[in-house]
Protein backbone atom coordinates (compact mmCIF):
# COMPACT_ATOMS: atom_id res chain seq x y z
CA MET A 1 -14.76 -5.01 28.17
CA ALA A 2 -15.60 -3.65 24.71
CA ARG A 3 -13.26 -1.15 23.14
CA LYS A 4 -14.37 2.43 22.57
CA LEU A 5 -16.30 3.36 19.46
CA SER A 6 -14.64 5.02 16.51
CA SER A 7 -14.96 8.78 16.69
CA ILE A 8 -15.05 8.88 12.86
CA ALA A 9 -17.31 5.98 11.83
CA PRO A 10 -18.90 4.21 14.83
CA ASP A 11 -19.96 1.23 12.69
CA TRP A 12 -16.34 0.52 11.75
CA TRP A 13 -13.02 -0.30 13.36
CA ASP A 14 -10.16 2.18 12.93
CA TYR A 15 -7.24 3.75 14.78
CA THR A 16 -9.49 5.98 16.94
CA THR A 17 -10.48 2.84 18.90
CA LEU A 18 -6.89 2.40 20.14
CA ASP A 19 -5.69 3.02 23.67
CA SER A 20 -5.22 6.73 24.35
CA ASP A 21 -1.67 6.24 25.66
CA LEU A 22 -0.58 4.67 22.37
CA ILE A 23 -2.10 7.54 20.40
CA ARG A 24 -0.32 10.05 22.64
CA ASP A 25 3.04 8.31 22.29
CA ALA A 26 2.74 8.20 18.50
CA ALA A 27 1.87 11.89 18.24
CA ALA A 28 4.98 12.79 20.25
CA LEU A 29 7.45 11.10 17.88
CA THR A 30 10.07 13.24 16.15
CA PRO A 31 11.69 12.18 12.86
CA GLN A 32 14.89 11.38 14.74
CA ARG A 33 13.08 9.14 17.19
CA MET A 34 11.31 7.43 14.29
CA LEU A 35 14.69 6.52 12.80
CA GLN A 36 15.59 4.92 16.12
CA LEU A 37 12.55 2.65 15.84
CA SER A 38 14.36 0.50 13.27
CA ARG A 39 14.88 -3.07 14.45
CA PRO A 40 15.75 -6.41 12.81
CA GLY A 41 13.06 -6.97 10.19
CA PHE A 42 11.93 -3.34 10.20
CA LYS A 43 13.94 -0.48 8.72
CA VAL A 44 13.05 3.23 8.79
CA VAL A 45 14.61 5.39 6.04
CA MET A 46 14.40 9.17 5.64
CA PHE A 47 14.90 11.14 2.40
CA ASP A 48 15.62 14.86 2.40
CA THR A 49 14.43 15.62 -1.14
CA LEU A 50 11.45 14.42 -3.15
CA GLU A 51 13.74 13.79 -6.12
CA GLU A 52 15.78 11.29 -4.12
CA PHE A 53 12.62 9.78 -2.58
CA TYR A 54 10.90 8.97 -5.88
CA LEU A 55 14.12 7.90 -7.58
CA ALA A 56 14.78 5.41 -4.78
CA GLU A 57 11.23 4.10 -5.15
CA ALA A 58 11.69 3.70 -8.91
CA LEU A 59 15.00 1.91 -8.41
CA GLU A 60 13.24 -0.84 -6.45
CA TYR A 61 11.53 -1.78 -9.72
CA ILE A 62 14.86 -1.84 -11.55
CA THR A 63 16.59 -3.88 -8.83
CA ALA A 64 13.79 -6.46 -8.86
CA TRP A 65 13.49 -6.72 -12.64
CA ARG A 66 17.27 -7.06 -13.10
CA GLN A 67 17.08 -10.33 -11.15
CA SER A 68 14.55 -11.82 -13.56
CA THR A 69 15.42 -14.50 -16.12
CA PRO A 70 13.16 -16.65 -18.31
CA ASP A 71 13.87 -19.63 -16.06
CA ASN A 72 13.50 -17.70 -12.80
CA PRO A 73 11.06 -14.83 -13.34
CA VAL A 74 10.94 -12.04 -10.78
CA GLY A 75 8.34 -9.33 -10.26
CA ILE A 76 7.30 -6.40 -8.14
CA CYS A 77 3.86 -5.58 -6.78
CA GLY A 78 3.13 -1.88 -6.92
CA PRO A 79 0.58 0.73 -5.89
CA ILE A 80 -1.26 3.64 -7.36
CA GLY A 81 -0.59 6.19 -4.66
CA PRO A 82 2.12 7.24 -4.94
CA THR A 83 2.44 7.41 -8.74
CA GLU A 84 5.32 9.82 -9.21
CA GLN A 85 7.81 6.94 -9.42
CA LEU A 86 6.13 5.34 -12.44
CA PRO A 87 7.41 7.61 -15.24
CA LEU A 88 10.87 7.37 -13.66
CA VAL A 89 10.70 3.57 -13.89
CA ALA A 90 10.00 3.76 -17.63
CA ARG A 91 12.77 6.30 -18.19
CA LEU A 92 15.29 4.18 -16.30
CA VAL A 93 14.38 1.03 -18.24
CA ASN A 94 14.70 2.89 -21.55
CA ASP A 95 17.89 4.79 -20.72
CA LEU A 96 19.60 1.68 -19.32
CA ASN A 97 18.42 -0.44 -22.27
CA LEU A 98 17.17 -2.90 -19.68
CA ASN A 99 15.39 -5.88 -21.21
CA VAL A 100 12.51 -6.67 -18.86
CA LYS A 101 10.70 -9.17 -21.07
CA SER A 102 10.93 -11.92 -18.44
CA ALA A 103 9.98 -9.61 -15.55
CA HIS A 104 6.52 -9.35 -13.98
CA PHE A 105 4.34 -6.73 -12.33
CA TRP A 106 1.34 -7.08 -10.07
CA GLY A 107 -1.10 -4.24 -9.57
CA MET A 108 -2.13 -4.44 -5.94
CA ASP A 109 -5.72 -3.21 -6.16
CA GLU A 110 -8.52 -1.90 -8.36
CA TRP A 111 -11.93 -0.29 -7.96
CA PHE A 112 -15.04 -2.52 -7.96
CA LEU A 113 -18.26 -1.08 -9.37
CA ASP A 114 -21.55 -2.57 -10.59
CA GLY A 115 -20.45 -6.12 -9.87
CA ARG A 116 -17.07 -6.04 -11.64
CA GLU A 117 -13.69 -4.36 -11.71
CA VAL A 118 -13.78 -0.94 -13.35
CA PRO A 119 -12.54 -1.10 -16.97
CA PRO A 120 -9.27 0.58 -18.01
CA THR A 121 -11.40 3.28 -19.63
CA HIS A 122 -12.69 4.43 -16.22
CA PRO A 123 -11.01 7.71 -15.18
CA LEU A 124 -10.03 6.28 -11.77
CA SER A 125 -8.77 2.92 -13.11
CA PHE A 126 -5.49 1.89 -11.50
CA GLU A 127 -4.64 -0.33 -14.46
CA LYS A 128 -5.11 2.68 -16.74
CA ALA A 129 -2.75 4.75 -14.58
CA ASP A 130 -0.08 2.02 -14.48
CA ARG A 131 -0.15 1.58 -18.24
CA GLU A 132 -0.22 5.27 -19.12
CA LEU A 133 2.38 6.40 -16.58
CA CYS A 134 4.78 3.48 -16.93
CA PHE A 135 4.30 0.46 -19.17
CA ASN A 136 3.17 2.21 -22.35
CA ARG A 137 6.26 4.42 -22.03
CA ILE A 138 8.73 1.53 -22.03
CA ARG A 139 10.15 0.86 -25.48
CA ARG A 140 8.40 -2.09 -27.11
CA GLU A 141 11.62 -4.07 -27.68
CA LEU A 142 12.36 -3.90 -23.92
CA ARG A 143 8.88 -4.21 -22.42
CA MET A 144 7.45 -7.35 -20.84
CA PRO A 145 4.50 -8.98 -22.65
CA ASP A 146 1.01 -8.17 -21.49
CA ALA A 147 0.72 -11.66 -19.99
CA ASN A 148 3.33 -10.59 -17.40
CA LEU A 149 1.18 -7.72 -16.14
CA HIS A 150 -1.22 -8.97 -13.48
CA PHE A 151 -4.10 -6.70 -12.52
CA PRO A 152 -6.72 -7.90 -10.01
CA LYS A 153 -10.19 -8.69 -11.37
CA ALA A 154 -13.55 -9.33 -9.75
CA ASP A 155 -12.97 -13.04 -10.35
CA THR A 156 -9.76 -13.22 -8.35
CA ALA A 157 -8.83 -16.82 -9.25
CA ALA A 158 -6.43 -16.05 -12.12
CA TYR A 159 -4.72 -13.25 -10.17
CA ARG A 160 -4.31 -15.40 -7.07
CA LYS A 161 -2.84 -18.20 -9.17
CA THR A 162 0.03 -15.92 -10.25
CA TRP A 163 1.10 -15.87 -6.59
CA SER A 164 1.48 -19.66 -6.48
CA GLY A 165 5.28 -19.48 -6.41
CA ALA A 166 6.25 -19.78 -10.06
CA ILE A 167 7.08 -16.03 -10.06
CA ARG A 168 9.16 -14.63 -7.24
CA CYS A 169 7.91 -11.36 -5.78
CA ALA A 170 11.07 -9.50 -4.77
CA VAL A 171 9.22 -6.56 -3.26
CA MET A 172 5.70 -5.34 -2.63
CA GLN A 173 5.51 -1.56 -2.55
CA GLY A 174 2.67 0.42 -1.05
CA GLY A 175 1.51 3.72 0.30
CA GLN A 176 -0.42 4.33 3.51
CA GLY A 177 -3.93 5.72 3.50
CA ASP A 178 -5.73 7.78 6.13
CA VAL A 179 -7.24 4.59 7.57
CA LYS A 180 -3.73 3.06 7.88
CA HIS A 181 -4.11 0.47 5.15
CA TRP A 182 -1.83 -0.94 2.48
CA ALA A 183 -3.59 -1.64 -0.81
CA PHE A 184 -7.27 -1.66 0.23
CA ASN A 185 -6.75 -3.79 3.31
CA ASP A 186 -9.08 -1.61 5.38
CA PRO A 187 -10.27 -2.30 8.91
CA PRO A 188 -13.59 -4.18 8.95
CA ARG A 189 -17.07 -3.14 9.95
CA ARG A 190 -17.91 -3.37 13.63
CA ALA A 191 -20.59 -6.04 13.31
CA GLY A 192 -21.34 -9.67 14.08
CA LYS A 193 -18.49 -11.44 15.82
CA TYR A 194 -16.37 -8.30 15.39
CA LYS A 195 -18.79 -6.00 17.21
CA ASP A 196 -16.73 -5.82 20.41
CA ARG A 197 -13.28 -6.79 19.13
CA PRO A 198 -11.64 -6.52 15.70
CA PRO A 199 -10.36 -9.70 14.05
CA SER A 200 -7.23 -11.10 15.60
CA PRO A 201 -4.03 -10.56 13.60
CA GLU A 202 -4.04 -14.28 12.83
CA GLU A 203 -7.57 -14.09 11.39
CA TYR A 204 -6.84 -11.00 9.31
CA ARG A 205 -3.65 -12.51 7.86
CA LYS A 206 -5.70 -15.37 6.38
CA LEU A 207 -7.36 -12.95 3.95
CA ALA A 208 -6.31 -13.28 0.31
CA THR A 209 -7.13 -11.11 -2.72
CA ARG A 210 -10.83 -10.30 -2.48
CA VAL A 211 -13.58 -7.71 -3.00
CA VAL A 212 -13.73 -5.38 0.02
CA ASP A 213 -16.05 -2.73 1.43
CA LEU A 214 -14.18 0.52 1.93
CA HIS A 215 -14.02 2.44 5.19
CA PRO A 216 -15.55 5.95 4.93
CA LEU A 217 -12.11 7.45 5.55
CA THR A 218 -10.73 5.65 2.51
CA ILE A 219 -13.51 6.94 0.29
CA ALA A 220 -12.99 10.51 1.49
CA GLN A 221 -9.21 10.28 1.09
CA ASN A 222 -9.40 9.03 -2.48
CA ALA A 223 -11.85 11.77 -3.35
CA ARG A 224 -9.33 14.27 -1.97
CA THR A 225 -6.24 12.83 -3.68
CA SER A 226 -7.76 11.77 -7.00
CA GLY A 227 -11.15 13.42 -7.48
CA GLY A 228 -10.85 17.01 -6.35
CA GLY A 229 -12.87 16.18 -3.23
CA ASN A 230 -15.89 14.87 -5.18
CA ILE A 231 -16.84 11.88 -3.03
CA SER A 232 -19.60 10.83 -5.43
CA LEU A 233 -16.89 9.87 -7.97
CA VAL A 234 -15.32 7.24 -5.72
CA PRO A 235 -16.64 3.64 -5.61
CA THR A 236 -17.39 2.22 -2.17
CA GLN A 237 -15.84 -1.18 -2.96
CA ALA A 238 -12.52 -2.36 -4.38
CA ILE A 239 -10.48 -5.47 -5.14
CA SER A 240 -7.40 -5.74 -2.97
CA VAL A 241 -4.35 -7.94 -2.70
CA GLY A 242 -4.47 -9.59 0.71
CA PRO A 243 -2.12 -10.46 3.54
CA VAL A 244 -1.79 -13.99 2.08
CA GLU A 245 -0.08 -12.57 -1.02
CA THR A 246 1.76 -9.92 0.98
CA TRP A 247 3.50 -12.56 3.07
CA LYS A 248 4.74 -14.17 -0.17
CA ALA A 249 6.68 -11.00 -1.01
CA GLU A 250 10.31 -11.12 0.10
CA LYS A 251 10.14 -7.48 1.16
CA VAL A 252 7.39 -4.95 1.85
CA SER A 253 8.42 -1.37 1.12
CA ILE A 254 6.03 1.44 2.14
CA TRP A 255 6.53 4.92 0.64
CA GLN A 256 5.17 7.98 2.46
CA ALA A 257 5.75 11.42 0.97
CA GLY A 258 3.07 13.05 3.13
CA ASN A 259 0.46 13.34 0.38
CA HIS A 260 -1.82 10.50 1.45
CA ASP A 261 -1.67 9.95 5.18
CA ASN A 262 -1.25 12.71 7.76
CA PRO A 263 1.57 13.47 10.23
CA PHE A 264 -0.06 11.45 13.00
CA GLY A 265 -0.78 8.39 10.87
CA GLN A 266 2.77 8.25 9.53
CA ARG A 267 4.03 8.13 13.11
CA LEU A 268 1.44 5.69 14.48
CA THR A 269 2.17 2.74 12.20
CA CYS A 270 5.92 3.24 12.53
CA LEU A 271 5.60 2.93 16.30
CA MET A 272 3.22 -0.02 16.20
CA ILE A 273 5.34 -2.04 13.76
CA SER A 274 8.54 -1.27 15.66
CA LYS A 275 7.01 -2.35 18.97
CA LYS A 276 5.20 -5.31 17.35
CA ILE A 277 1.77 -4.02 18.32
CA ALA A 278 -0.39 -5.75 15.71
CA ASP A 279 -4.05 -4.68 15.70
CA ALA A 280 -6.53 -5.21 12.85
CA ALA A 281 -8.11 -1.82 13.58
CA VAL A 282 -4.84 -0.49 12.11
CA PRO A 283 -4.21 -2.95 9.26
CA MET A 284 -0.75 -1.59 8.43
CA SER A 285 0.35 -2.57 11.95
CA LEU A 286 -0.04 -6.26 11.01
CA LEU A 287 3.19 -5.90 9.03
CA ALA A 288 4.88 -6.07 12.43
CA ASP A 289 4.97 -9.83 11.85
CA HIS A 290 6.40 -9.72 8.30
CA PRO A 291 10.12 -10.59 8.27
CA ASN A 292 11.29 -7.74 6.02
CA VAL A 293 9.54 -4.36 6.09
CA GLN A 294 10.94 -0.95 5.18
CA PHE A 295 9.20 2.40 5.78
CA ASN A 296 10.44 5.20 3.53
CA TYR A 297 9.64 8.80 4.45
CA TYR A 298 10.11 12.20 2.89
CA ARG A 299 11.37 14.01 5.97
CA HIS A 300 9.65 17.30 5.13
CA GLY A 301 6.37 15.47 4.52
CA LEU A 302 6.19 14.26 8.10
CA GLY A 303 4.88 17.56 9.38
CA SER A 304 4.00 17.97 13.04
CA CYS A 305 1.25 16.77 15.37
CA GLU A 306 1.23 20.04 17.30
CA VAL A 307 -1.99 22.01 17.31
CA GLU A 308 -1.96 24.74 14.67
CA MET A 309 -5.11 26.66 13.82
CA HIS A 310 -5.95 27.50 10.19
């Protein structure tokens, strides 16, 4: 029996195609019950202030980079969204006089427009944001060389090669979008062999860094968070790190301050990962099978799923 159609975008898979009981159970979760969803391989952490939240996120960069040596380089893969941690990373490196010349950084995604990645001059460029908010602020005598900064390109071969094992990825950070993705690992279109069922978790996990079509929810969300709601500014395709690279990271750390996904979404993926309910219609849920995942929440950004009219 075919699953129900999405109530948002009927030509796509997304969380609205899930069983109604699962959606109800997720909406009923309180922050305290979410903390109790921690299990071996999955840890739920709550922060009571935004200052502590973003400092803890920045410190994951410092912890990873401190492990790096010229003979055994270590890196971190990081998102744009959130971005508030990035200036803190630069300040910590500078104030601690931390030499990060052997350390590495992977950008996890980038916009794709007119047959190529957007250039760093594009106003929405993720590479531009990473450089301006973090790397250009690190003192030159401490900063890693440009060759150690890996940003995905339309020709993904060079980027994928950096994940071959010569550089250890201590942690992959991420945020969670409205469509329940990490990076731009969106649910697929409901077409062809995926018309009645989404890809199996095993199929989806075979995807590496690639050019992707973006779910309508993702386009609308990025217009809201980065473009003042102007959807026409946002490309409909992107380049995204894939599950193949994600499973090479020793840890996946997801940071949710409540600015990107909504109260329901923040609860849904927590429940699905805890209970090991992996479903490609909710790509974030596939992390249920990763051996070391941490969800970090700003407690006051969790909101409520109760009906409230505005």
